[in-house]
Amino acid sequence: MGKIYYIMGKSSSGKDTLYKELLQRLPELKPLILYTTRPMREGERNGVEYFFVSEEMLGRYGAEGKIIEERTYDTVYGQWKYATIKDGRVDLEHSDYLVMGTLKSYGRMKEYYGRESVVPVYIEVEDGERLSRAVRREREQRQPKYDEMCRRFLADQKDFSEENLKTAGITRRYRNKDKIQCLEEIIEEIQNGKL
């Protein structure tokens, strides 16, 4: 039986970088790509980071009963939705997957696929370092969205509170102070079946 390795953590904890590196280093893992209504960021590609869809398309998936989990964020730019869709791309009989999401979406995925099939990979970075990383990333954008960056940063304090982590059963944390060391720890545990 395959596994879904579920990467999560607060914004600017390095999830995107670790996700991409894991897919390169462990080609046997297939990406489980989520759907979103948010605008594409510079450098993103449809079907790679996310499937970028309209509100209407997401509504159709809902009407067809294809939504496994969905969440809505009230951003300073309006509502952005993210969802995991039953699109026929997951075959746990034959493959392992890698996905990135939130603590809430992790919980819903566990309910849908089963506790034994969804494995948490919680990435942690000290808050001051996260804030510095977030500011650097926004500065690189053609039109930085500092207000949205701040909203996300503060929302993460609630979403990933110690109480919520405990309720979700998150006990193992991967500290991303050194990307290479963090990556090696995750790879070793996946390859040795410790996760």
N, C-alpha and C. Protein backbone atom coordinates (compact mmCIF):
# COMPACT_ATOMS: atom_id res chain seq x y z
N MET A 1 0.84 -1.19 0.00
CA MET A 1 0.00 0.00 0.00
C MET A 1 0.88 1.24 0.00
N GLY A 2 0.57 2.20 -0.86
CA GLY A 2 1.35 3.41 -0.97
C GLY A 2 1.08 4.39 0.15
N LYS A 3 1.89 5.43 0.20
CA LYS A 3 1.77 6.48 1.21
C LYS A 3 1.68 7.83 0.52
N ILE A 4 1.04 8.77 1.21
CA ILE A 4 1.04 10.17 0.81
C ILE A 4 1.84 10.91 1.87
N TYR A 5 3.02 11.40 1.50
CA TYR A 5 3.85 12.17 2.41
C TYR A 5 3.40 13.62 2.32
N TYR A 6 2.92 14.13 3.46
CA TYR A 6 2.23 15.42 3.49
C TYR A 6 3.11 16.48 4.13
N ILE A 7 3.71 17.33 3.28
CA ILE A 7 4.58 18.41 3.77
C ILE A 7 3.72 19.59 4.20
N MET A 8 4.01 20.08 5.39
CA MET A 8 3.29 21.26 5.88
C MET A 8 4.19 22.05 6.80
N GLY A 9 3.81 23.29 7.02
CA GLY A 9 4.55 24.17 7.89
C GLY A 9 4.10 25.60 7.65
N LYS A 10 4.54 26.47 8.49
CA LYS A 10 4.17 27.88 8.35
C LYS A 10 4.76 28.45 7.07
N SER A 11 4.22 29.58 6.63
CA SER A 11 4.72 30.22 5.41
C SER A 11 6.20 30.55 5.56
N SER A 12 6.94 30.44 4.46
CA SER A 12 8.37 30.75 4.40
C SER A 12 9.22 29.82 5.27
N SER A 13 8.74 28.60 5.48
CA SER A 13 9.54 27.62 6.23
C SER A 13 10.39 26.78 5.28
N GLY A 14 10.25 27.02 3.98
CA GLY A 14 11.05 26.29 3.01
C GLY A 14 10.35 25.08 2.42
N LYS A 15 9.05 25.00 2.59
CA LYS A 15 8.29 23.84 2.10
C LYS A 15 8.43 23.66 0.59
N ASP A 16 8.28 24.75 -0.16
CA ASP A 16 8.34 24.66 -1.62
C ASP A 16 9.69 24.12 -2.08
N THR A 17 10.75 24.64 -1.51
CA THR A 17 12.09 24.20 -1.89
C THR A 17 12.30 22.74 -1.54
N LEU A 18 11.92 22.34 -0.33
CA LEU A 18 12.08 20.94 0.08
C LEU A 18 11.22 20.01 -0.77
N TYR A 19 10.01 20.44 -1.08
CA TYR A 19 9.11 19.66 -1.93
C TYR A 19 9.78 19.38 -3.29
N LYS A 20 10.29 20.41 -3.92
CA LYS A 20 10.93 20.25 -5.24
C LYS A 20 12.16 19.37 -5.15
N GLU A 21 12.96 19.56 -4.11
CA GLU A 21 14.17 18.75 -3.93
C GLU A 21 13.82 17.28 -3.69
N LEU A 22 12.79 17.03 -2.89
CA LEU A 22 12.37 15.65 -2.63
C LEU A 22 11.91 14.96 -3.90
N LEU A 23 11.16 15.67 -4.73
CA LEU A 23 10.71 15.08 -6.00
C LEU A 23 11.89 14.77 -6.91
N GLN A 24 12.93 15.60 -6.87
CA GLN A 24 14.13 15.34 -7.68
C GLN A 24 14.91 14.16 -7.13
N ARG A 25 15.09 14.14 -5.83
CA ARG A 25 15.94 13.11 -5.21
C ARG A 25 15.24 11.76 -5.07
N LEU A 26 13.91 11.79 -4.98
CA LEU A 26 13.14 10.55 -4.84
C LEU A 26 12.14 10.46 -5.98
N PRO A 27 12.60 10.13 -7.19
CA PRO A 27 11.71 10.13 -8.35
C PRO A 27 10.57 9.11 -8.26
N GLU A 28 10.67 8.19 -7.32
CA GLU A 28 9.57 7.25 -7.13
C GLU A 28 8.34 7.91 -6.50
N LEU A 29 8.53 9.08 -5.89
CA LEU A 29 7.40 9.83 -5.34
C LEU A 29 6.73 10.62 -6.46
N LYS A 30 5.42 10.52 -6.55
CA LYS A 30 4.69 11.29 -7.55
C LYS A 30 4.09 12.53 -6.88
N PRO A 31 4.07 13.66 -7.57
CA PRO A 31 3.46 14.85 -6.97
C PRO A 31 1.93 14.74 -6.97
N LEU A 32 1.33 15.08 -5.85
CA LEU A 32 -0.12 15.18 -5.76
C LEU A 32 -0.40 16.68 -5.80
N ILE A 33 -0.92 17.14 -6.92
CA ILE A 33 -1.04 18.58 -7.15
C ILE A 33 -2.43 19.07 -6.77
N LEU A 34 -2.46 20.10 -5.94
CA LEU A 34 -3.72 20.68 -5.48
C LEU A 34 -4.25 21.69 -6.50
N TYR A 35 -5.48 22.09 -6.29
CA TYR A 35 -6.16 23.08 -7.15
C TYR A 35 -6.33 24.37 -6.35
N THR A 36 -6.24 25.51 -7.05
CA THR A 36 -6.44 26.79 -6.37
C THR A 36 -7.07 27.81 -7.31
N THR A 37 -7.78 28.74 -6.69
CA THR A 37 -8.35 29.86 -7.44
C THR A 37 -7.47 31.11 -7.32
N ARG A 38 -6.40 31.03 -6.55
CA ARG A 38 -5.55 32.22 -6.40
C ARG A 38 -4.77 32.48 -7.68
N PRO A 39 -4.36 33.74 -7.88
CA PRO A 39 -3.57 34.05 -9.08
C PRO A 39 -2.21 33.36 -9.06
N MET A 40 -1.72 33.05 -10.22
CA MET A 40 -0.42 32.43 -10.36
C MET A 40 0.67 33.43 -10.02
N ARG A 41 1.67 33.02 -9.24
CA ARG A 41 2.81 33.87 -8.93
C ARG A 41 3.82 33.79 -10.08
N GLU A 42 4.68 34.78 -10.12
CA GLU A 42 5.75 34.77 -11.12
C GLU A 42 6.55 33.47 -10.97
N GLY A 43 6.82 32.82 -12.10
CA GLY A 43 7.62 31.60 -12.08
C GLY A 43 6.82 30.33 -11.89
N GLU A 44 5.55 30.44 -11.50
CA GLU A 44 4.72 29.24 -11.33
C GLU A 44 4.18 28.79 -12.68
N ARG A 45 3.87 27.49 -12.76
CA ARG A 45 3.31 26.93 -13.99
C ARG A 45 2.08 26.11 -13.65
N ASN A 46 1.06 26.25 -14.46
CA ASN A 46 -0.18 25.50 -14.24
C ASN A 46 0.11 24.00 -14.35
N GLY A 47 -0.38 23.24 -13.35
CA GLY A 47 -0.18 21.81 -13.34
C GLY A 47 1.14 21.38 -12.73
N VAL A 48 1.94 22.33 -12.30
CA VAL A 48 3.21 22.00 -11.65
C VAL A 48 3.11 22.33 -10.17
N GLU A 49 3.00 23.62 -9.83
CA GLU A 49 2.82 23.99 -8.41
C GLU A 49 1.38 23.72 -7.98
N TYR A 50 0.43 24.13 -8.80
CA TYR A 50 -1.01 23.94 -8.57
C TYR A 50 -1.68 23.82 -9.92
N PHE A 51 -2.94 23.37 -9.88
CA PHE A 51 -3.82 23.55 -11.02
C PHE A 51 -4.57 24.84 -10.72
N PHE A 52 -4.39 25.86 -11.53
CA PHE A 52 -5.02 27.15 -11.32
C PHE A 52 -6.36 27.13 -12.04
N VAL A 53 -7.45 27.24 -11.27
CA VAL A 53 -8.80 27.12 -11.84
C VAL A 53 -9.66 28.30 -11.41
N SER A 54 -10.76 28.49 -12.11
CA SER A 54 -11.71 29.54 -11.78
C SER A 54 -12.63 29.09 -10.65
N GLU A 55 -13.31 30.05 -10.05
CA GLU A 55 -14.33 29.74 -9.03
C GLU A 55 -15.39 28.81 -9.62
N GLU A 56 -15.78 29.08 -10.87
CA GLU A 56 -16.82 28.28 -11.52
C GLU A 56 -16.38 26.83 -11.68
N MET A 57 -15.14 26.62 -12.09
CA MET A 57 -14.62 25.26 -12.25
C MET A 57 -14.59 24.53 -10.92
N LEU A 58 -14.13 25.21 -9.87
CA LEU A 58 -14.10 24.60 -8.55
C LEU A 58 -15.51 24.26 -8.09
N GLY A 59 -16.47 25.14 -8.40
CA GLY A 59 -17.87 24.87 -8.08
C GLY A 59 -18.38 23.64 -8.79
N ARG A 60 -17.96 23.44 -10.03
CA ARG A 60 -18.37 22.24 -10.78
C ARG A 60 -17.83 20.97 -10.13
N TYR A 61 -16.57 21.03 -9.69
CA TYR A 61 -16.00 19.86 -9.00
C TYR A 61 -16.82 19.55 -7.74
N GLY A 62 -17.23 20.60 -7.03
CA GLY A 62 -18.04 20.40 -5.83
C GLY A 62 -19.38 19.77 -6.16
N ALA A 63 -20.04 20.26 -7.20
CA ALA A 63 -21.34 19.74 -7.61
C ALA A 63 -21.24 18.28 -8.05
N GLU A 64 -20.07 17.90 -8.58
CA GLU A 64 -19.86 16.52 -9.01
C GLU A 64 -19.37 15.61 -7.88
N GLY A 65 -19.22 16.16 -6.66
CA GLY A 65 -18.78 15.37 -5.51
C GLY A 65 -17.32 14.97 -5.57
N LYS A 66 -16.50 15.78 -6.25
CA LYS A 66 -15.10 15.43 -6.45
C LYS A 66 -14.14 16.10 -5.46
N ILE A 67 -14.66 16.91 -4.55
CA ILE A 67 -13.77 17.62 -3.62
C ILE A 67 -13.52 16.77 -2.38
N ILE A 68 -12.24 16.46 -2.14
CA ILE A 68 -11.85 15.72 -0.94
C ILE A 68 -11.75 16.67 0.24
N GLU A 69 -11.10 17.80 0.01
CA GLU A 69 -10.99 18.84 1.04
C GLU A 69 -10.84 20.17 0.33
N GLU A 70 -11.39 21.20 0.97
CA GLU A 70 -11.33 22.55 0.41
C GLU A 70 -11.22 23.54 1.54
N ARG A 71 -10.47 24.59 1.31
CA ARG A 71 -10.35 25.65 2.31
C ARG A 71 -10.33 27.00 1.60
N THR A 72 -10.85 28.00 2.29
CA THR A 72 -10.94 29.35 1.73
C THR A 72 -10.18 30.30 2.64
N TYR A 73 -9.37 31.16 2.02
CA TYR A 73 -8.64 32.17 2.76
C TYR A 73 -9.16 33.54 2.36
N ASP A 74 -9.51 34.35 3.36
CA ASP A 74 -9.91 35.73 3.12
C ASP A 74 -8.63 36.56 3.10
N THR A 75 -8.13 36.81 1.90
CA THR A 75 -6.89 37.56 1.76
C THR A 75 -7.21 39.03 1.54
N VAL A 76 -6.18 39.84 1.52
CA VAL A 76 -6.40 41.26 1.26
C VAL A 76 -6.79 41.48 -0.20
N TYR A 77 -6.69 40.44 -1.03
CA TYR A 77 -7.06 40.52 -2.45
C TYR A 77 -8.35 39.78 -2.77
N GLY A 78 -9.07 39.39 -1.73
CA GLY A 78 -10.31 38.63 -1.91
C GLY A 78 -10.13 37.20 -1.46
N GLN A 79 -11.13 36.38 -1.73
CA GLN A 79 -11.07 34.98 -1.30
C GLN A 79 -10.26 34.14 -2.28
N TRP A 80 -9.35 33.34 -1.72
CA TRP A 80 -8.59 32.36 -2.49
C TRP A 80 -8.93 30.99 -1.95
N LYS A 81 -9.25 30.08 -2.84
CA LYS A 81 -9.61 28.73 -2.43
C LYS A 81 -8.54 27.74 -2.88
N TYR A 82 -8.36 26.72 -2.05
CA TYR A 82 -7.46 25.61 -2.35
C TYR A 82 -8.24 24.32 -2.12
N ALA A 83 -7.98 23.32 -2.95
CA ALA A 83 -8.74 22.07 -2.81
C ALA A 83 -7.93 20.88 -3.31
N THR A 84 -8.24 19.73 -2.72
CA THR A 84 -7.76 18.45 -3.23
C THR A 84 -8.94 17.82 -3.94
N ILE A 85 -8.73 17.45 -5.19
CA ILE A 85 -9.82 16.96 -6.03
C ILE A 85 -9.61 15.48 -6.36
N LYS A 86 -10.71 14.73 -6.37
CA LYS A 86 -10.67 13.34 -6.85
C LYS A 86 -10.61 13.41 -8.37
N ASP A 87 -9.38 13.42 -8.90
CA ASP A 87 -9.21 13.58 -10.34
C ASP A 87 -8.61 12.34 -10.99
N GLY A 88 -8.58 11.23 -10.25
CA GLY A 88 -8.07 9.98 -10.80
C GLY A 88 -6.55 9.89 -10.85
N ARG A 89 -5.86 10.84 -10.24
CA ARG A 89 -4.39 10.84 -10.31
C ARG A 89 -3.73 10.09 -9.15
N VAL A 90 -4.50 9.66 -8.15
CA VAL A 90 -3.91 8.98 -6.99
C VAL A 90 -4.27 7.50 -7.04
N ASP A 91 -3.22 6.66 -7.03
CA ASP A 91 -3.38 5.21 -7.04
C ASP A 91 -2.47 4.65 -5.95
N LEU A 92 -2.99 4.57 -4.73
CA LEU A 92 -2.18 4.13 -3.59
C LEU A 92 -1.84 2.64 -3.64
N GLU A 93 -2.46 1.91 -4.54
CA GLU A 93 -2.09 0.50 -4.69
C GLU A 93 -0.71 0.36 -5.32
N HIS A 94 -0.31 1.34 -6.12
CA HIS A 94 0.92 1.19 -6.89
C HIS A 94 1.94 2.31 -6.69
N SER A 95 1.61 3.39 -6.01
CA SER A 95 2.53 4.53 -5.95
C SER A 95 2.50 5.22 -4.59
N ASP A 96 3.60 5.94 -4.33
CA ASP A 96 3.70 6.85 -3.20
C ASP A 96 3.63 8.26 -3.75
N TYR A 97 3.16 9.20 -2.93
CA TYR A 97 2.93 10.57 -3.38
C TYR A 97 3.53 11.57 -2.41
N LEU A 98 3.75 12.76 -2.93
CA LEU A 98 4.22 13.88 -2.13
C LEU A 98 3.28 15.05 -2.40
N VAL A 99 2.83 15.68 -1.33
CA VAL A 99 1.91 16.81 -1.45
C VAL A 99 2.27 17.83 -0.38
N MET A 100 1.85 19.05 -0.61
CA MET A 100 2.11 20.13 0.33
C MET A 100 0.79 20.81 0.65
N GLY A 101 0.54 21.07 1.93
CA GLY A 101 -0.71 21.72 2.30
C GLY A 101 -0.68 22.23 3.72
N THR A 102 -1.86 22.39 4.28
CA THR A 102 -2.00 22.95 5.63
C THR A 102 -2.33 21.86 6.63
N LEU A 103 -2.31 22.24 7.88
CA LEU A 103 -2.64 21.29 8.94
C LEU A 103 -4.09 20.80 8.81
N LYS A 104 -5.00 21.72 8.49
CA LYS A 104 -6.40 21.33 8.33
C LYS A 104 -6.58 20.39 7.14
N SER A 105 -5.92 20.71 6.03
CA SER A 105 -6.07 19.85 4.86
C SER A 105 -5.44 18.48 5.12
N TYR A 106 -4.37 18.44 5.89
CA TYR A 106 -3.76 17.17 6.28
C TYR A 106 -4.78 16.31 7.03
N GLY A 107 -5.50 16.93 7.97
CA GLY A 107 -6.51 16.20 8.74
C GLY A 107 -7.60 15.63 7.85
N ARG A 108 -8.06 16.41 6.89
CA ARG A 108 -9.12 15.93 5.99
C ARG A 108 -8.61 14.83 5.06
N MET A 109 -7.37 14.95 4.63
CA MET A 109 -6.78 13.90 3.78
C MET A 109 -6.66 12.59 4.57
N LYS A 110 -6.29 12.70 5.84
CA LYS A 110 -6.22 11.50 6.70
C LYS A 110 -7.58 10.83 6.80
N GLU A 111 -8.62 11.64 6.97
CA GLU A 111 -9.98 11.09 7.05
C GLU A 111 -10.36 10.38 5.76
N TYR A 112 -9.99 10.96 4.63
CA TYR A 112 -10.40 10.40 3.34
C TYR A 112 -9.57 9.16 2.97
N TYR A 113 -8.23 9.26 3.05
CA TYR A 113 -7.37 8.17 2.60
C TYR A 113 -7.03 7.17 3.70
N GLY A 114 -7.24 7.56 4.96
CA GLY A 114 -6.91 6.68 6.08
C GLY A 114 -5.63 7.12 6.77
N ARG A 115 -5.65 7.02 8.08
CA ARG A 115 -4.53 7.46 8.92
C ARG A 115 -3.21 6.81 8.51
N GLU A 116 -3.26 5.53 8.15
CA GLU A 116 -2.02 4.81 7.82
C GLU A 116 -1.45 5.21 6.46
N SER A 117 -2.24 5.87 5.63
CA SER A 117 -1.79 6.22 4.28
C SER A 117 -1.23 7.63 4.16
N VAL A 118 -1.55 8.51 5.11
CA VAL A 118 -1.12 9.91 5.02
C VAL A 118 -0.12 10.19 6.14
N VAL A 119 1.12 10.52 5.74
CA VAL A 119 2.23 10.66 6.68
C VAL A 119 2.64 12.13 6.78
N PRO A 120 2.60 12.71 8.00
CA PRO A 120 2.95 14.12 8.14
C PRO A 120 4.46 14.36 8.07
N VAL A 121 4.85 15.44 7.39
CA VAL A 121 6.24 15.90 7.34
C VAL A 121 6.17 17.39 7.69
N TYR A 122 6.29 17.68 8.98
CA TYR A 122 6.12 19.06 9.46
C TYR A 122 7.46 19.79 9.48
N ILE A 123 7.54 20.89 8.72
CA ILE A 123 8.75 21.69 8.58
C ILE A 123 8.66 22.89 9.53
N GLU A 124 9.74 23.12 10.25
CA GLU A 124 9.72 24.20 11.25
C GLU A 124 10.95 25.10 11.07
N VAL A 125 10.71 26.40 11.20
CA VAL A 125 11.77 27.41 11.14
C VAL A 125 11.45 28.47 12.19
N GLU A 126 12.46 28.98 12.83
CA GLU A 126 12.29 30.03 13.83
C GLU A 126 11.58 31.21 13.19
N ASP A 127 10.63 31.83 13.92
CA ASP A 127 9.76 32.86 13.35
C ASP A 127 10.51 34.06 12.77
N GLY A 128 11.55 34.53 13.42
CA GLY A 128 12.31 35.67 12.90
C GLY A 128 12.94 35.34 11.55
N GLU A 129 13.48 34.15 11.44
CA GLU A 129 14.08 33.71 10.17
C GLU A 129 12.99 33.58 9.09
N ARG A 130 11.84 33.06 9.45
CA ARG A 130 10.72 32.94 8.50
C ARG A 130 10.32 34.31 7.95
N LEU A 131 10.23 35.28 8.86
CA LEU A 131 9.83 36.63 8.44
C LEU A 131 10.87 37.22 7.48
N SER A 132 12.15 37.04 7.78
CA SER A 132 13.20 37.53 6.88
C SER A 132 13.09 36.87 5.51
N ARG A 133 12.86 35.57 5.48
CA ARG A 133 12.72 34.85 4.21
C ARG A 133 11.51 35.36 3.43
N ALA A 134 10.41 35.60 4.14
CA ALA A 134 9.18 36.06 3.48
C ALA A 134 9.39 37.42 2.82
N VAL A 135 10.06 38.32 3.53
CA VAL A 135 10.32 39.66 2.99
C VAL A 135 11.23 39.55 1.76
N ARG A 136 12.28 38.73 1.84
CA ARG A 136 13.18 38.55 0.68
C ARG A 136 12.41 38.02 -0.52
N ARG A 137 11.53 37.06 -0.31
CA ARG A 137 10.77 36.48 -1.42
C ARG A 137 9.85 37.52 -2.04
N GLU A 138 9.18 38.32 -1.22
CA GLU A 138 8.28 39.34 -1.76
C GLU A 138 9.04 40.40 -2.54
N ARG A 139 10.22 40.77 -2.07
CA ARG A 139 11.03 41.78 -2.78
C ARG A 139 11.37 41.33 -4.20
N GLU A 140 11.44 40.02 -4.42
CA GLU A 140 11.79 39.49 -5.75
C GLU A 140 10.61 39.53 -6.72
N GLN A 141 9.41 39.74 -6.22
CA GLN A 141 8.22 39.78 -7.07
C GLN A 141 8.14 41.12 -7.80
N ARG A 142 7.58 41.09 -8.99
CA ARG A 142 7.41 42.33 -9.76
C ARG A 142 6.52 43.31 -8.99
N GLN A 143 5.46 42.78 -8.37
CA GLN A 143 4.57 43.61 -7.55
C GLN A 143 4.45 42.95 -6.17
N PRO A 144 5.34 43.29 -5.27
CA PRO A 144 5.31 42.68 -3.93
C PRO A 144 3.96 42.90 -3.25
N LYS A 145 3.52 41.88 -2.53
CA LYS A 145 2.25 41.93 -1.79
C LYS A 145 2.56 41.79 -0.30
N TYR A 146 3.16 42.82 0.26
CA TYR A 146 3.59 42.77 1.65
C TYR A 146 2.42 42.62 2.61
N ASP A 147 1.29 43.24 2.27
CA ASP A 147 0.13 43.14 3.15
C ASP A 147 -0.36 41.70 3.24
N GLU A 148 -0.39 40.99 2.12
CA GLU A 148 -0.81 39.59 2.12
C GLU A 148 0.23 38.72 2.83
N MET A 149 1.50 39.04 2.65
CA MET A 149 2.57 38.31 3.34
C MET A 149 2.38 38.41 4.86
N CYS A 150 2.08 39.61 5.34
CA CYS A 150 1.87 39.82 6.78
C CYS A 150 0.63 39.07 7.27
N ARG A 151 -0.44 39.10 6.49
CA ARG A 151 -1.65 38.37 6.87
C ARG A 151 -1.36 36.88 7.03
N ARG A 152 -0.64 36.31 6.05
CA ARG A 152 -0.31 34.88 6.10
C ARG A 152 0.56 34.56 7.31
N PHE A 153 1.54 35.42 7.56
CA PHE A 153 2.46 35.20 8.67
C PHE A 153 1.69 35.13 9.99
N LEU A 154 0.79 36.08 10.21
CA LEU A 154 0.01 36.11 11.45
C LEU A 154 -1.00 34.96 11.53
N ALA A 155 -1.62 34.63 10.40
CA ALA A 155 -2.60 33.53 10.39
C ALA A 155 -1.93 32.21 10.75
N ASP A 156 -0.67 32.04 10.33
CA ASP A 156 0.05 30.79 10.63
C ASP A 156 0.24 30.57 12.12
N GLN A 157 0.36 31.66 12.88
CA GLN A 157 0.53 31.52 14.32
C GLN A 157 -0.67 30.78 14.93
N LYS A 158 -1.85 31.07 14.42
CA LYS A 158 -3.06 30.38 14.90
C LYS A 158 -3.17 29.00 14.30
N ASP A 159 -3.02 28.92 12.96
CA ASP A 159 -3.24 27.66 12.26
C ASP A 159 -2.30 26.56 12.75
N PHE A 160 -1.04 26.91 13.03
CA PHE A 160 -0.05 25.93 13.47
C PHE A 160 0.29 26.10 14.94
N SER A 161 -0.71 26.43 15.75
CA SER A 161 -0.48 26.56 17.19
C SER A 161 -0.08 25.20 17.76
N GLU A 162 0.59 25.23 18.88
CA GLU A 162 0.99 23.97 19.53
C GLU A 162 -0.22 23.08 19.81
N GLU A 163 -1.31 23.69 20.19
CA GLU A 163 -2.54 22.93 20.46
C GLU A 163 -3.04 22.23 19.19
N ASN A 164 -3.04 22.95 18.07
CA ASN A 164 -3.50 22.35 16.82
C ASN A 164 -2.55 21.25 16.34
N LEU A 165 -1.25 21.45 16.52
CA LEU A 165 -0.28 20.40 16.15
C LEU A 165 -0.50 19.15 16.99
N LYS A 166 -0.73 19.34 18.26
CA LYS A 166 -0.97 18.19 19.16
C LYS A 166 -2.25 17.46 18.76
N THR A 167 -3.31 18.21 18.50
CA THR A 167 -4.60 17.61 18.10
C THR A 167 -4.44 16.80 16.82
N ALA A 168 -3.61 17.29 15.88
CA ALA A 168 -3.41 16.60 14.61
C ALA A 168 -2.47 15.41 14.73
N GLY A 169 -1.85 15.25 15.91
CA GLY A 169 -0.94 14.13 16.11
C GLY A 169 0.45 14.35 15.55
N ILE A 170 0.83 15.62 15.38
CA ILE A 170 2.16 15.94 14.85
C ILE A 170 3.16 15.88 16.00
N THR A 171 4.05 14.93 15.94
CA THR A 171 5.07 14.81 16.98
C THR A 171 6.47 15.04 16.42
N ARG A 172 6.71 14.60 15.20
CA ARG A 172 8.03 14.75 14.56
C ARG A 172 8.10 16.09 13.85
N ARG A 173 9.19 16.82 14.06
CA ARG A 173 9.39 18.12 13.41
C ARG A 173 10.74 18.10 12.71
N TYR A 174 10.76 18.65 11.51
CA TYR A 174 12.01 18.76 10.76
C TYR A 174 12.40 20.23 10.78
N ARG A 175 13.48 20.53 11.49
CA ARG A 175 13.92 21.92 11.62
C ARG A 175 14.74 22.29 10.38
N ASN A 176 14.28 23.30 9.67
CA ASN A 176 14.89 23.69 8.41
C ASN A 176 15.83 24.88 8.61
N LYS A 177 16.77 24.73 9.51
CA LYS A 177 17.80 25.75 9.69
C LYS A 177 18.86 25.58 8.60
N ASP A 178 19.17 24.33 8.29
CA ASP A 178 20.11 23.97 7.23
C ASP A 178 19.34 23.09 6.24
N LYS A 179 19.07 23.64 5.05
CA LYS A 179 18.23 22.95 4.06
C LYS A 179 18.74 21.55 3.73
N ILE A 180 20.04 21.42 3.53
CA ILE A 180 20.60 20.13 3.11
C ILE A 180 20.44 19.10 4.22
N GLN A 181 20.72 19.49 5.45
CA GLN A 181 20.57 18.56 6.58
C GLN A 181 19.11 18.15 6.75
N CYS A 182 18.21 19.13 6.65
CA CYS A 182 16.77 18.86 6.79
C CYS A 182 16.31 17.88 5.69
N LEU A 183 16.73 18.14 4.48
CA LEU A 183 16.38 17.30 3.34
C LEU A 183 16.88 15.88 3.54
N GLU A 184 18.13 15.74 3.97
CA GLU A 184 18.71 14.41 4.18
C GLU A 184 17.96 13.64 5.26
N GLU A 185 17.55 14.32 6.32
CA GLU A 185 16.78 13.66 7.39
C GLU A 185 15.46 13.10 6.85
N ILE A 186 14.77 13.92 6.06
CA ILE A 186 13.48 13.49 5.51
C ILE A 186 13.68 12.31 4.55
N ILE A 187 14.67 12.41 3.66
CA ILE A 187 14.93 11.34 2.70
C ILE A 187 15.27 10.04 3.42
N GLU A 188 16.14 10.12 4.42
CA GLU A 188 16.53 8.92 5.15
C GLU A 188 15.32 8.24 5.81
N GLU A 189 14.45 9.05 6.40
CA GLU A 189 13.31 8.47 7.09
C GLU A 189 12.29 7.88 6.10
N ILE A 190 12.13 8.51 4.93
CA ILE A 190 11.23 7.94 3.92
C ILE A 190 11.80 6.64 3.39
N GLN A 191 13.10 6.64 3.05
CA GLN A 191 13.72 5.44 2.48
C GLN A 191 13.80 4.28 3.47
N ASN A 192 13.94 4.60 4.74
CA ASN A 192 14.03 3.54 5.76
C ASN A 192 12.67 3.17 6.35
N GLY A 193 11.61 3.79 5.81
CA GLY A 193 10.27 3.46 6.29
C GLY A 193 10.00 3.89 7.69
N LYS A 194 10.74 4.90 8.19
CA LYS A 194 10.53 5.37 9.57
C LYS A 194 9.36 6.33 9.68
N LEU A 195 8.94 6.90 8.55
CA LEU A 195 7.82 7.85 8.59
C LEU A 195 6.52 7.10 8.53
